[in-house]
Amino acid sequence: PVWLVDTAGWERRTLLEKKGLLASLGSLEAKRSMNRAHVVALLLDAEVYLQEGRMLRSEVALARRATEEGKALIIVLNKSDVLSK
C-alpha cells in the first residue's frame, strides 16, 4: 500500500514562536511524517521562486535533510502557470 500524507508545513522556529501552538503542532507532525517517509515531495511556490530566483534557504535545508536521511526527493513546482507569464 501507498500512504500519502499532506502536512501543515515546516516552519522556522522564529515563525513558530509568532504563530503559536497550532503552527508548532503542525510543524512537529510534518517532521514526524518526514521521518517515516520513503519519498518526500517538496512543494515549492513558483511565484516565490520567480521573485527570489532560487530556492529559499529553508527549502534547500529540507531537501538536504531528506536526501541525507536517504529519502527519495521529488521537487514539485506549484502555481507553475505563472512561469509562462
N, C-alpha and C. Protein backbone atom coordinates (compact mmCIF):
# COMPACT_ATOMS: atom_id res chain seq x y z
N PRO A 1 0.83 -1.20 0.00
CA PRO A 1 0.00 0.00 0.00
C PRO A 1 0.86 1.26 0.00
N VAL A 2 0.31 2.31 -0.51
CA VAL A 2 0.96 3.62 -0.55
C VAL A 2 0.16 4.58 0.32
N TRP A 3 0.85 5.28 1.20
CA TRP A 3 0.22 6.29 2.06
C TRP A 3 0.73 7.65 1.65
N LEU A 4 -0.17 8.56 1.36
CA LEU A 4 0.20 9.94 1.06
C LEU A 4 -0.23 10.80 2.24
N VAL A 5 0.69 11.63 2.72
CA VAL A 5 0.40 12.50 3.86
C VAL A 5 0.67 13.94 3.45
N ASP A 6 -0.35 14.77 3.59
CA ASP A 6 -0.21 16.20 3.33
C ASP A 6 -0.07 16.88 4.68
N THR A 7 1.11 17.42 4.94
CA THR A 7 1.35 18.03 6.24
C THR A 7 1.03 19.52 6.21
N ALA A 8 1.00 20.09 7.39
CA ALA A 8 0.70 21.52 7.53
C ALA A 8 1.85 22.40 7.07
N GLY A 9 3.01 21.83 6.91
CA GLY A 9 4.17 22.61 6.51
C GLY A 9 5.23 22.59 7.58
N TRP A 10 6.37 23.12 7.23
CA TRP A 10 7.53 23.08 8.11
C TRP A 10 7.99 24.51 8.29
N GLU A 11 7.73 25.06 9.44
CA GLU A 11 8.03 26.48 9.69
C GLU A 11 9.34 26.63 10.45
N ARG A 12 9.98 27.77 10.22
CA ARG A 12 11.17 28.11 11.01
C ARG A 12 10.76 28.40 12.45
N ARG A 13 11.68 28.16 13.36
CA ARG A 13 11.40 28.34 14.79
C ARG A 13 10.91 29.76 15.10
N THR A 14 11.49 30.77 14.46
CA THR A 14 11.08 32.16 14.74
C THR A 14 9.64 32.39 14.32
N LEU A 15 9.23 31.79 13.20
CA LEU A 15 7.84 31.93 12.77
C LEU A 15 6.90 31.18 13.70
N LEU A 16 7.34 30.03 14.17
CA LEU A 16 6.50 29.25 15.09
C LEU A 16 6.24 30.00 16.37
N GLU A 17 7.23 30.71 16.87
CA GLU A 17 7.05 31.47 18.10
C GLU A 17 5.99 32.55 17.91
N LYS A 18 5.92 33.13 16.72
CA LYS A 18 4.92 34.17 16.45
C LYS A 18 3.55 33.56 16.21
N LYS A 19 3.48 32.39 15.56
CA LYS A 19 2.21 31.80 15.17
C LYS A 19 1.55 30.99 16.27
N GLY A 20 2.31 30.51 17.23
CA GLY A 20 1.72 29.84 18.38
C GLY A 20 1.67 28.33 18.30
N LEU A 21 0.88 27.76 19.21
CA LEU A 21 0.84 26.33 19.45
C LEU A 21 0.38 25.52 18.23
N LEU A 22 -0.67 25.95 17.57
CA LEU A 22 -1.20 25.18 16.44
C LEU A 22 -0.17 25.03 15.33
N ALA A 23 0.54 26.09 15.02
CA ALA A 23 1.58 26.02 14.00
C ALA A 23 2.71 25.11 14.46
N SER A 24 3.04 25.16 15.74
CA SER A 24 4.08 24.30 16.28
C SER A 24 3.71 22.83 16.15
N LEU A 25 2.45 22.51 16.45
CA LEU A 25 1.99 21.13 16.33
C LEU A 25 2.01 20.66 14.87
N GLY A 26 1.63 21.54 13.96
CA GLY A 26 1.66 21.21 12.53
C GLY A 26 3.07 20.95 12.05
N SER A 27 3.99 21.76 12.49
CA SER A 27 5.39 21.60 12.10
C SER A 27 5.98 20.31 12.69
N LEU A 28 5.63 20.01 13.92
CA LEU A 28 6.09 18.78 14.56
C LEU A 28 5.57 17.56 13.80
N GLU A 29 4.32 17.58 13.42
CA GLU A 29 3.75 16.47 12.66
C GLU A 29 4.41 16.34 11.29
N ALA A 30 4.76 17.46 10.67
CA ALA A 30 5.47 17.41 9.39
C ALA A 30 6.82 16.72 9.55
N LYS A 31 7.52 17.02 10.63
CA LYS A 31 8.82 16.39 10.89
C LYS A 31 8.66 14.89 11.14
N ARG A 32 7.64 14.51 11.89
CA ARG A 32 7.39 13.08 12.14
C ARG A 32 7.07 12.36 10.84
N SER A 33 6.26 12.99 10.01
CA SER A 33 5.89 12.38 8.73
C SER A 33 7.12 12.18 7.85
N MET A 34 8.00 13.16 7.83
CA MET A 34 9.21 13.05 7.03
C MET A 34 10.10 11.92 7.54
N ASN A 35 10.16 11.75 8.85
CA ASN A 35 10.97 10.68 9.43
C ASN A 35 10.45 9.30 9.01
N ARG A 36 9.13 9.16 8.85
CA ARG A 36 8.53 7.87 8.48
C ARG A 36 8.52 7.63 6.98
N ALA A 37 8.74 8.67 6.21
CA ALA A 37 8.56 8.59 4.75
C ALA A 37 9.71 7.86 4.06
N HIS A 38 9.39 7.30 2.91
CA HIS A 38 10.40 6.76 2.00
C HIS A 38 10.66 7.77 0.88
N VAL A 39 9.61 8.51 0.52
CA VAL A 39 9.69 9.53 -0.53
C VAL A 39 9.14 10.83 0.03
N VAL A 40 9.85 11.93 -0.21
CA VAL A 40 9.41 13.25 0.24
C VAL A 40 9.16 14.11 -0.99
N ALA A 41 7.97 14.71 -1.06
CA ALA A 41 7.65 15.65 -2.13
C ALA A 41 7.73 17.05 -1.53
N LEU A 42 8.66 17.83 -2.01
CA LEU A 42 8.85 19.20 -1.52
C LEU A 42 8.13 20.15 -2.47
N LEU A 43 7.09 20.79 -1.97
CA LEU A 43 6.25 21.67 -2.77
C LEU A 43 6.78 23.09 -2.71
N LEU A 44 7.16 23.62 -3.87
CA LEU A 44 7.69 24.99 -3.96
C LEU A 44 6.66 25.88 -4.65
N ASP A 45 6.60 27.12 -4.23
CA ASP A 45 5.70 28.11 -4.81
C ASP A 45 6.44 28.80 -5.97
N ALA A 46 5.92 28.65 -7.18
CA ALA A 46 6.58 29.21 -8.37
C ALA A 46 6.70 30.73 -8.28
N GLU A 47 5.71 31.39 -7.68
CA GLU A 47 5.77 32.85 -7.57
C GLU A 47 6.95 33.28 -6.69
N VAL A 48 7.15 32.59 -5.60
CA VAL A 48 8.28 32.89 -4.71
C VAL A 48 9.59 32.59 -5.43
N TYR A 49 9.61 31.46 -6.16
CA TYR A 49 10.82 31.09 -6.88
C TYR A 49 11.18 32.16 -7.91
N LEU A 50 10.19 32.70 -8.61
CA LEU A 50 10.45 33.75 -9.60
C LEU A 50 10.97 35.03 -8.94
N GLN A 51 10.40 35.38 -7.80
CA GLN A 51 10.82 36.59 -7.09
C GLN A 51 12.25 36.46 -6.57
N GLU A 52 12.57 35.29 -6.02
CA GLU A 52 13.88 35.08 -5.40
C GLU A 52 14.93 34.65 -6.43
N GLY A 53 14.49 33.98 -7.49
CA GLY A 53 15.42 33.47 -8.48
C GLY A 53 16.13 32.20 -8.05
N ARG A 54 15.69 31.63 -6.96
CA ARG A 54 16.30 30.41 -6.42
C ARG A 54 15.39 29.83 -5.35
N MET A 55 15.73 28.65 -4.89
CA MET A 55 15.00 28.06 -3.76
C MET A 55 15.36 28.84 -2.49
N LEU A 56 14.42 28.92 -1.57
CA LEU A 56 14.67 29.56 -0.29
C LEU A 56 15.60 28.69 0.55
N ARG A 57 16.31 29.30 1.48
CA ARG A 57 17.23 28.55 2.35
C ARG A 57 16.52 27.41 3.07
N SER A 58 15.31 27.70 3.56
CA SER A 58 14.56 26.68 4.29
C SER A 58 14.21 25.50 3.39
N GLU A 59 13.92 25.78 2.11
CA GLU A 59 13.60 24.72 1.16
C GLU A 59 14.85 23.88 0.85
N VAL A 60 15.98 24.55 0.70
CA VAL A 60 17.24 23.84 0.47
C VAL A 60 17.57 22.96 1.67
N ALA A 61 17.34 23.50 2.87
CA ALA A 61 17.63 22.74 4.09
C ALA A 61 16.75 21.49 4.17
N LEU A 62 15.48 21.62 3.81
CA LEU A 62 14.58 20.47 3.82
C LEU A 62 15.01 19.44 2.79
N ALA A 63 15.36 19.88 1.61
CA ALA A 63 15.81 18.97 0.56
C ALA A 63 17.08 18.25 0.99
N ARG A 64 18.00 19.00 1.59
CA ARG A 64 19.25 18.40 2.07
C ARG A 64 18.98 17.37 3.16
N ARG A 65 18.10 17.73 4.09
CA ARG A 65 17.78 16.80 5.18
C ARG A 65 17.18 15.51 4.64
N ALA A 66 16.26 15.64 3.70
CA ALA A 66 15.62 14.45 3.13
C ALA A 66 16.64 13.54 2.46
N THR A 67 17.51 14.11 1.65
CA THR A 67 18.48 13.29 0.94
C THR A 67 19.54 12.72 1.88
N GLU A 68 19.95 13.48 2.88
CA GLU A 68 20.92 12.97 3.85
C GLU A 68 20.36 11.81 4.67
N GLU A 69 19.04 11.82 4.85
CA GLU A 69 18.39 10.73 5.58
C GLU A 69 18.02 9.56 4.66
N GLY A 70 18.44 9.64 3.40
CA GLY A 70 18.22 8.54 2.47
C GLY A 70 16.83 8.50 1.86
N LYS A 71 16.10 9.60 1.92
CA LYS A 71 14.76 9.66 1.33
C LYS A 71 14.86 10.00 -0.15
N ALA A 72 13.97 9.41 -0.93
CA ALA A 72 13.84 9.85 -2.31
C ALA A 72 13.17 11.22 -2.27
N LEU A 73 13.60 12.13 -3.13
CA LEU A 73 13.09 13.51 -3.10
C LEU A 73 12.48 13.88 -4.44
N ILE A 74 11.25 14.36 -4.39
CA ILE A 74 10.57 14.88 -5.58
C ILE A 74 10.31 16.35 -5.32
N ILE A 75 10.77 17.21 -6.21
CA ILE A 75 10.51 18.65 -6.07
C ILE A 75 9.36 19.01 -6.99
N VAL A 76 8.30 19.57 -6.41
CA VAL A 76 7.08 19.91 -7.12
C VAL A 76 6.96 21.42 -7.17
N LEU A 77 6.74 21.96 -8.35
CA LEU A 77 6.59 23.40 -8.51
C LEU A 77 5.11 23.73 -8.62
N ASN A 78 4.58 24.36 -7.59
CA ASN A 78 3.17 24.73 -7.53
C ASN A 78 2.96 26.08 -8.21
N LYS A 79 1.79 26.29 -8.77
CA LYS A 79 1.44 27.54 -9.47
C LYS A 79 2.38 27.77 -10.66
N SER A 80 2.74 26.71 -11.35
CA SER A 80 3.70 26.81 -12.44
C SER A 80 3.16 27.61 -13.64
N ASP A 81 1.86 27.88 -13.65
CA ASP A 81 1.31 28.68 -14.75
C ASP A 81 1.88 30.10 -14.73
N VAL A 82 2.38 30.59 -13.60
CA VAL A 82 2.95 31.93 -13.54
C VAL A 82 4.30 31.99 -14.27
N LEU A 83 4.93 30.84 -14.51
CA LEU A 83 6.21 30.82 -15.17
C LEU A 83 6.09 31.24 -16.63
N SER A 84 4.93 31.02 -17.23
CA SER A 84 4.76 31.35 -18.65
C SER A 84 4.37 32.81 -18.86
N LYS A 85 4.16 33.56 -17.79
CA LYS A 85 3.75 34.97 -17.91
C LYS A 85 4.93 35.89 -18.05
